[in-house]
Amino acid sequence: MQHSAEEQLVKYLTDAHAVEAQALAQMRAAPRIAADDRLARAFREHLTETEGHERTLRARLAAHDADPSRVKDVAGRGGGWGMILFARSQSDATGKLTAHAFSYESMEVATYGLLGAAATSAGDVETAAAAAAIGTEERQMGKRLASLFDVAVEASLREVAGDDLTAHLDRYLKDAHALEQQAEQLLKVATRLVDDEGLASIFESHLRQTRDHLRRVEGRLRARGTGPSRTKDLALRIGALNVGGFFAVQPDTTVKLSGFAYAFENLEVAVYQLVRRVAERASDPETATMAAEISGEEGATAESIAGTWTRVMGDRMAALSDAGARPGAP
């Protein structure tokens, strides 16, 4: 197997194309699920942008005499359909759809931040510029979705109109607890896997913060006369172990984890923003305050992770260049 920065850049371009294949599947179906015209309009508008992103990536691959990966694209589309099916299966489909779409936009922001760093390291100015332009549009879509969190909650409450608002908030808190359980498992694994000291330090610090989040969410559940869902907690802990195993066998584990962790933190941002809004409607100011504070901490961690992208990708590309330059390198 040859080692070269050029081959790695093409690999990241095919990865990005598969990410857009998944985004296309999601954006085509999302307007039909969203129970509010404002959300549906945002998804339709971003579909047009996403189609342009796919064309740009195809052109950049062609500039490198390469094509999209059919295998990766099929897997990406499958993931997009899976997310849509998950959202449809939920009683509050619009809320779940919005939270996961916000997280997916963050995944795309990470994808293009890392792609841009790889292109810069490889001396590909055109791809670096394309990645920056697309990344800006993904960030803007994330901001549009964040501005519609109130809309998503109102739609979700209409979808569960027969439910007691208190019970609805309890479910959101149980979901948040399960997500924190998953975060704890992922951070324990990620801290051991990454080879960048700065990123490892961020993970270690946030692991301590995550354990505090767990205690706080458990405290609010107890105060409300209930507790975590063992089923949800177990399912997400198992999911975390599977994800950790996947990243452990990647040749660019640190790069991949830096992107995934950024998206995961923003999923938590969205979940707590929804919890806050439901808590306010349920007249639970203590839970609303907790959710707002935790959401802010998750967002700050996400931006700290984003600050490592240029370094971790630069180190990865430099290592490949060094390996390729050594006499007798495979």
Protein backbone atom coordinates (compact mmCIF):
# COMPACT_ATOMS: atom_id res chain seq x y z
CA MET A 1 0.00 0.00 0.00
CA GLN A 2 1.39 3.41 -0.97
CA HIS A 3 1.49 6.29 1.48
CA SER A 4 0.99 9.76 0.04
CA ALA A 5 -0.69 13.02 0.96
CA GLU A 6 -2.33 13.04 -2.48
CA GLU A 7 -3.98 9.65 -1.92
CA GLN A 8 -5.12 10.72 1.53
CA LEU A 9 -6.65 13.90 0.14
CA VAL A 10 -8.60 11.89 -2.45
CA LYS A 11 -9.77 9.61 0.36
CA TYR A 12 -11.05 12.60 2.34
CA LEU A 13 -12.78 13.92 -0.78
CA THR A 14 -14.60 10.59 -1.23
CA ASP A 15 -15.50 10.65 2.47
CA ALA A 16 -16.94 14.15 2.07
CA HIS A 17 -18.90 13.07 -1.01
CA ALA A 18 -20.42 10.19 0.99
CA VAL A 19 -21.35 12.67 3.74
CA GLU A 20 -23.18 14.73 1.12
CA ALA A 21 -24.88 11.59 -0.23
CA GLN A 22 -26.26 11.05 3.26
CA ALA A 23 -27.22 14.71 3.56
CA LEU A 24 -29.11 14.55 0.25
CA ALA A 25 -31.13 11.56 1.47
CA GLN A 26 -31.99 13.45 4.65
CA MET A 27 -32.80 16.79 3.02
CA ARG A 28 -35.11 15.18 0.44
CA ALA A 29 -37.18 13.45 3.13
CA ALA A 30 -36.98 15.96 6.00
CA PRO A 31 -39.53 18.50 4.67
CA ARG A 32 -42.19 15.77 4.64
CA ILE A 33 -41.52 14.94 8.31
CA ALA A 34 -41.20 18.44 9.75
CA ALA A 35 -44.56 19.45 11.22
CA ASP A 36 -43.93 23.15 10.60
CA ASP A 37 -43.61 25.05 7.33
CA ARG A 38 -40.67 27.11 8.59
CA LEU A 39 -38.58 24.02 9.27
CA ALA A 40 -39.67 22.40 6.02
CA ARG A 41 -38.62 25.53 4.12
CA ALA A 42 -35.18 25.51 5.75
CA PHE A 43 -34.67 21.88 4.73
CA ARG A 44 -35.82 22.55 1.15
CA GLU A 45 -33.49 25.54 0.83
CA HIS A 46 -30.57 23.53 2.15
CA LEU A 47 -31.35 20.71 -0.27
CA THR A 48 -30.49 23.09 -3.12
CA GLU A 49 -27.23 24.01 -1.38
CA THR A 50 -26.44 20.35 -0.75
CA GLU A 51 -26.91 19.49 -4.40
CA GLY A 52 -24.37 22.18 -5.21
CA HIS A 53 -21.96 20.77 -2.63
CA GLU A 54 -22.18 17.34 -4.23
CA ARG A 55 -21.38 18.78 -7.66
CA THR A 56 -18.41 20.70 -6.28
CA LEU A 57 -16.96 17.60 -4.66
CA ARG A 58 -17.44 15.57 -7.81
CA ALA A 59 -15.54 18.26 -9.73
CA ARG A 60 -12.70 18.32 -7.19
CA LEU A 61 -12.41 14.53 -7.40
CA ALA A 62 -12.28 14.77 -11.19
CA ALA A 63 -9.46 17.29 -10.86
CA HIS A 64 -7.54 14.52 -9.10
CA ASP A 65 -8.52 11.94 -11.77
CA ALA A 66 -10.76 10.23 -9.22
CA ASP A 67 -14.45 9.39 -8.80
CA PRO A 68 -16.78 9.17 -5.80
CA SER A 69 -16.72 5.86 -3.94
CA ARG A 70 -19.86 3.88 -4.72
CA VAL A 71 -19.48 1.83 -1.56
CA LYS A 72 -19.13 4.89 0.67
CA ASP A 73 -21.99 6.69 -1.07
CA VAL A 74 -24.36 3.72 -0.68
CA ALA A 75 -23.45 3.51 3.00
CA GLY A 76 -23.99 7.26 3.33
CA ARG A 77 -27.43 7.14 1.73
CA GLY A 78 -28.32 4.21 3.96
CA GLY A 79 -27.33 6.23 7.01
CA GLY A 80 -29.49 9.11 5.82
CA TRP A 81 -32.50 6.88 5.38
CA GLY A 82 -31.84 5.35 8.80
CA MET A 83 -31.91 8.75 10.47
CA ILE A 84 -35.17 9.61 8.72
CA LEU A 85 -36.75 6.30 9.75
CA PHE A 86 -35.63 6.89 13.34
CA ALA A 87 -37.19 10.36 13.39
CA ARG A 88 -40.43 9.06 11.90
CA SER A 89 -40.65 6.37 14.56
CA GLN A 90 -40.63 8.92 17.39
CA SER A 91 -43.79 10.44 18.84
CA ASP A 92 -42.06 13.86 18.70
CA ALA A 93 -40.63 13.38 15.22
CA THR A 94 -40.01 17.07 14.53
CA GLY A 95 -37.95 17.61 17.68
CA LYS A 96 -35.80 14.52 17.07
CA LEU A 97 -35.39 15.41 13.40
CA THR A 98 -34.25 18.94 14.23
CA ALA A 99 -31.76 17.85 16.89
CA HIS A 100 -30.18 15.22 14.65
CA ALA A 101 -30.15 17.55 11.63
CA PHE A 102 -28.35 20.18 13.72
CA SER A 103 -25.79 17.55 14.74
CA TYR A 104 -25.39 16.41 11.14
CA GLU A 105 -24.68 19.95 10.01
CA SER A 106 -21.95 19.96 12.65
CA MET A 107 -20.59 16.73 11.21
CA GLU A 108 -20.41 18.45 7.84
CA VAL A 109 -18.71 21.49 9.36
CA ALA A 110 -16.09 19.12 10.79
CA THR A 111 -15.77 17.26 7.50
CA TYR A 112 -14.99 20.45 5.59
CA GLY A 113 -12.78 21.91 8.30
CA LEU A 114 -10.64 18.78 8.16
CA LEU A 115 -10.81 18.52 4.35
CA GLY A 116 -9.66 22.11 4.05
CA ALA A 117 -6.71 21.41 6.35
CA ALA A 118 -5.82 18.31 4.32
CA ALA A 119 -6.03 20.24 1.04
CA THR A 120 -3.85 23.02 2.42
CA SER A 121 -1.24 20.50 3.55
CA ALA A 122 -1.31 18.90 0.08
CA GLY A 123 -1.01 22.26 -1.67
CA ASP A 124 -4.46 22.02 -3.30
CA VAL A 125 -5.64 25.62 -3.14
CA GLU A 126 -8.85 25.00 -5.12
CA THR A 127 -10.06 22.21 -2.82
CA ALA A 128 -9.15 24.24 0.27
CA ALA A 129 -11.23 27.16 -1.05
CA ALA A 130 -14.16 24.87 -1.93
CA ALA A 131 -14.07 23.31 1.54
CA ALA A 132 -14.10 26.74 3.18
CA ALA A 133 -17.06 27.90 1.08
CA ILE A 134 -19.11 24.75 1.71
CA GLY A 135 -18.21 24.76 5.40
CA THR A 136 -19.58 28.30 5.68
CA GLU A 137 -22.92 27.21 4.20
CA GLU A 138 -23.09 24.24 6.59
CA ARG A 139 -22.48 26.56 9.56
CA GLN A 140 -25.21 28.88 8.30
CA MET A 141 -27.66 25.98 8.06
CA GLY A 142 -26.75 24.97 11.60
CA LYS A 143 -27.54 28.51 12.75
CA ARG A 144 -30.86 28.45 10.89
CA LEU A 145 -31.81 25.23 12.66
CA ALA A 146 -30.74 26.65 16.04
CA SER A 147 -32.99 29.66 15.42
CA LEU A 148 -35.86 27.21 14.90
CA PHE A 149 -35.51 25.23 18.15
CA ASP A 150 -38.59 27.01 19.57
CA VAL A 151 -40.50 26.07 16.42
CA ALA A 152 -39.37 22.44 16.74
CA VAL A 153 -40.53 22.24 20.35
CA GLU A 154 -43.92 23.74 19.54
CA ALA A 155 -44.36 21.24 16.71
CA SER A 156 -43.26 18.36 18.93
CA LEU A 157 -45.76 19.32 21.60
CA ARG A 158 -48.52 19.36 19.00
CA GLU A 159 -47.43 15.89 17.89
CA VAL A 160 -47.80 14.57 21.45
CA ALA A 161 -50.86 16.65 22.29
CA GLY A 162 -52.40 13.80 24.25
CA ASP A 163 -49.40 13.56 26.57
CA ASP A 164 -48.99 15.27 29.88
CA LEU A 165 -46.34 17.98 29.53
CA THR A 166 -44.64 16.68 32.67
CA ALA A 167 -44.30 13.20 31.20
CA HIS A 168 -42.94 14.70 27.98
CA LEU A 169 -40.23 16.56 29.90
CA ASP A 170 -39.36 13.41 31.84
CA ARG A 171 -38.78 11.57 28.55
CA TYR A 172 -36.53 14.34 27.29
CA LEU A 173 -34.50 14.17 30.51
CA LYS A 174 -34.20 10.39 30.23
CA ASP A 175 -32.96 10.83 26.65
CA ALA A 176 -30.41 13.36 27.85
CA HIS A 177 -29.22 11.00 30.58
CA ALA A 178 -28.77 8.16 28.08
CA LEU A 179 -26.84 10.50 25.78
CA GLU A 180 -24.55 11.47 28.64
CA GLN A 181 -23.99 7.79 29.41
CA GLN A 182 -22.92 7.33 25.81
CA ALA A 183 -20.71 10.41 25.98
CA GLU A 184 -18.96 9.08 29.09
CA GLN A 185 -18.15 5.78 27.39
CA LEU A 186 -16.98 7.49 24.20
CA LEU A 187 -14.75 9.93 26.05
CA LYS A 188 -13.10 7.17 28.09
CA VAL A 189 -12.24 5.34 24.89
CA ALA A 190 -11.31 8.44 22.88
CA THR A 191 -8.87 9.68 25.51
CA ARG A 192 -6.86 6.47 25.10
CA LEU A 193 -7.06 6.37 21.30
CA VAL A 194 -6.00 9.83 20.17
CA ASP A 195 -2.32 10.65 19.67
CA ASP A 196 -2.68 14.43 20.00
CA GLU A 197 -2.00 15.68 23.54
CA GLY A 198 -4.18 18.77 23.16
CA LEU A 199 -7.17 16.80 21.96
CA ALA A 200 -6.64 14.15 24.65
CA SER A 201 -6.60 16.92 27.26
CA ILE A 202 -9.90 18.29 25.97
CA PHE A 203 -11.44 14.82 26.17
CA GLU A 204 -10.12 14.25 29.70
CA SER A 205 -11.47 17.58 30.90
CA HIS A 206 -14.83 16.99 29.28
CA LEU A 207 -15.06 13.50 30.72
CA ARG A 208 -15.03 15.08 34.19
CA GLN A 209 -17.64 17.59 33.03
CA THR A 210 -19.78 14.81 31.56
CA ARG A 211 -19.83 12.95 34.85
CA ASP A 212 -21.02 16.14 36.49
CA HIS A 213 -23.73 16.43 33.83
CA LEU A 214 -24.87 12.90 34.63
CA ARG A 215 -25.16 13.74 38.32
CA ARG A 216 -27.11 16.90 37.56
CA VAL A 217 -29.56 15.20 35.20
CA GLU A 218 -30.05 12.35 37.69
CA GLY A 219 -30.74 14.96 40.38
CA ARG A 220 -33.43 16.62 38.28
CA LEU A 221 -35.04 13.27 37.49
CA ARG A 222 -35.13 12.40 41.19
CA ALA A 223 -36.55 15.81 42.02
CA ARG A 224 -39.30 15.13 39.51
CA GLY A 225 -40.10 11.78 41.09
CA THR A 226 -38.61 9.53 38.43
CA GLY A 227 -35.25 8.18 37.27
CA PRO A 228 -33.15 7.26 34.24
CA SER A 229 -34.31 4.70 31.70
CA ARG A 230 -32.21 1.55 32.06
CA THR A 231 -33.15 0.46 28.55
CA LYS A 232 -32.09 3.73 26.92
CA ASP A 233 -28.91 3.95 29.00
CA LEU A 234 -27.86 0.42 28.13
CA ALA A 235 -28.59 0.84 24.42
CA LEU A 236 -26.47 3.97 24.13
CA ARG A 237 -23.62 2.55 26.21
CA ILE A 238 -23.47 -0.44 23.86
CA GLY A 239 -23.59 1.97 20.92
CA ALA A 240 -20.62 3.84 22.37
CA LEU A 241 -18.58 0.64 22.61
CA ASN A 242 -19.35 -0.15 18.97
CA VAL A 243 -18.36 3.34 17.88
CA GLY A 244 -15.15 3.13 19.89
CA GLY A 245 -14.29 -0.17 18.24
CA PHE A 246 -14.86 1.35 14.81
CA PHE A 247 -12.53 4.28 15.44
CA ALA A 248 -9.87 2.09 17.00
CA VAL A 249 -9.21 0.31 13.69
CA GLN A 250 -9.06 3.44 11.53
CA PRO A 251 -5.63 4.48 10.18
CA ASP A 252 -6.46 8.12 10.99
CA THR A 253 -8.16 7.60 14.35
CA THR A 254 -7.30 11.01 15.79
CA VAL A 255 -8.60 12.88 12.75
CA LYS A 256 -11.82 10.87 12.61
CA LEU A 257 -12.47 11.23 16.33
CA SER A 258 -11.93 14.98 16.25
CA GLY A 259 -14.71 15.31 13.67
CA PHE A 260 -17.09 12.83 15.29
CA ALA A 261 -16.66 14.34 18.76
CA TYR A 262 -17.47 17.81 17.44
CA ALA A 263 -20.73 16.55 15.94
CA PHE A 264 -21.59 14.57 19.09
CA GLU A 265 -21.09 17.62 21.31
CA ASN A 266 -23.43 19.59 19.08
CA LEU A 267 -26.03 16.83 19.29
CA GLU A 268 -25.91 17.35 23.04
CA VAL A 269 -26.20 21.11 22.52
CA ALA A 270 -29.41 20.56 20.55
CA VAL A 271 -30.86 18.04 23.00
CA TYR A 272 -30.36 20.37 25.96
CA GLN A 273 -31.77 23.32 24.03
CA LEU A 274 -34.93 21.30 23.49
CA VAL A 275 -34.97 20.20 27.15
CA ARG A 276 -34.70 23.83 28.23
CA ARG A 277 -37.64 24.90 26.11
CA VAL A 278 -39.84 22.01 27.24
CA ALA A 279 -38.90 22.68 30.88
CA GLU A 280 -39.87 26.33 30.53
CA ARG A 281 -43.27 25.31 29.19
CA ALA A 282 -43.63 22.78 32.01
CA SER A 283 -42.85 25.50 34.61
CA ASP A 284 -39.67 23.77 35.80
CA PRO A 285 -37.13 26.61 36.04
CA GLU A 286 -34.49 24.45 37.78
CA THR A 287 -34.40 22.00 34.87
CA ALA A 288 -34.46 24.86 32.35
CA THR A 289 -31.46 26.52 34.02
CA MET A 290 -29.53 23.25 34.20
CA ALA A 291 -30.19 22.52 30.54
CA ALA A 292 -29.07 25.97 29.44
CA GLU A 293 -25.84 25.68 31.44
CA ILE A 294 -25.00 22.21 30.16
CA SER A 295 -25.79 23.19 26.58
CA GLY A 296 -23.31 26.06 26.90
CA GLU A 297 -20.62 23.73 28.22
CA GLU A 298 -21.19 21.25 25.38
CA GLY A 299 -20.93 24.05 22.84
CA ALA A 300 -17.71 25.36 24.36
CA THR A 301 -16.18 21.88 24.23
CA ALA A 302 -17.21 21.54 20.58
CA GLU A 303 -15.39 24.74 19.67
CA SER A 304 -12.30 23.64 21.61
CA ILE A 305 -12.28 20.43 19.55
CA ALA A 306 -12.65 22.42 16.32
CA GLY A 307 -9.55 24.36 17.32
CA THR A 308 -7.46 21.19 16.97
CA TRP A 309 -8.42 20.35 13.38
CA THR A 310 -5.61 22.19 11.59
CA ARG A 311 -3.01 20.62 13.87
CA VAL A 312 -4.27 17.03 13.87
CA MET A 313 -4.78 17.01 10.12
CA GLY A 314 -1.43 18.68 9.52
CA ASP A 315 0.28 16.02 11.63
CA ARG A 316 -1.53 13.26 9.73
CA MET A 317 -0.59 14.61 6.31
CA ALA A 318 3.00 15.30 7.36
CA ALA A 319 3.36 11.72 8.62
CA LEU A 320 2.13 10.40 5.29
CA SER A 321 4.50 12.65 3.37
CA ASP A 322 7.43 11.57 5.54
CA ALA A 323 6.57 7.89 5.08
CA GLY A 324 6.32 8.30 1.33
CA ALA A 325 9.64 10.12 1.15
CA ARG A 326 11.64 7.47 2.99
CA PRO A 327 13.69 5.16 0.74
CA GLY A 328 12.01 1.78 0.47
CA ALA A 329 8.72 3.05 1.92
CA PRO A 330 5.82 0.72 0.99
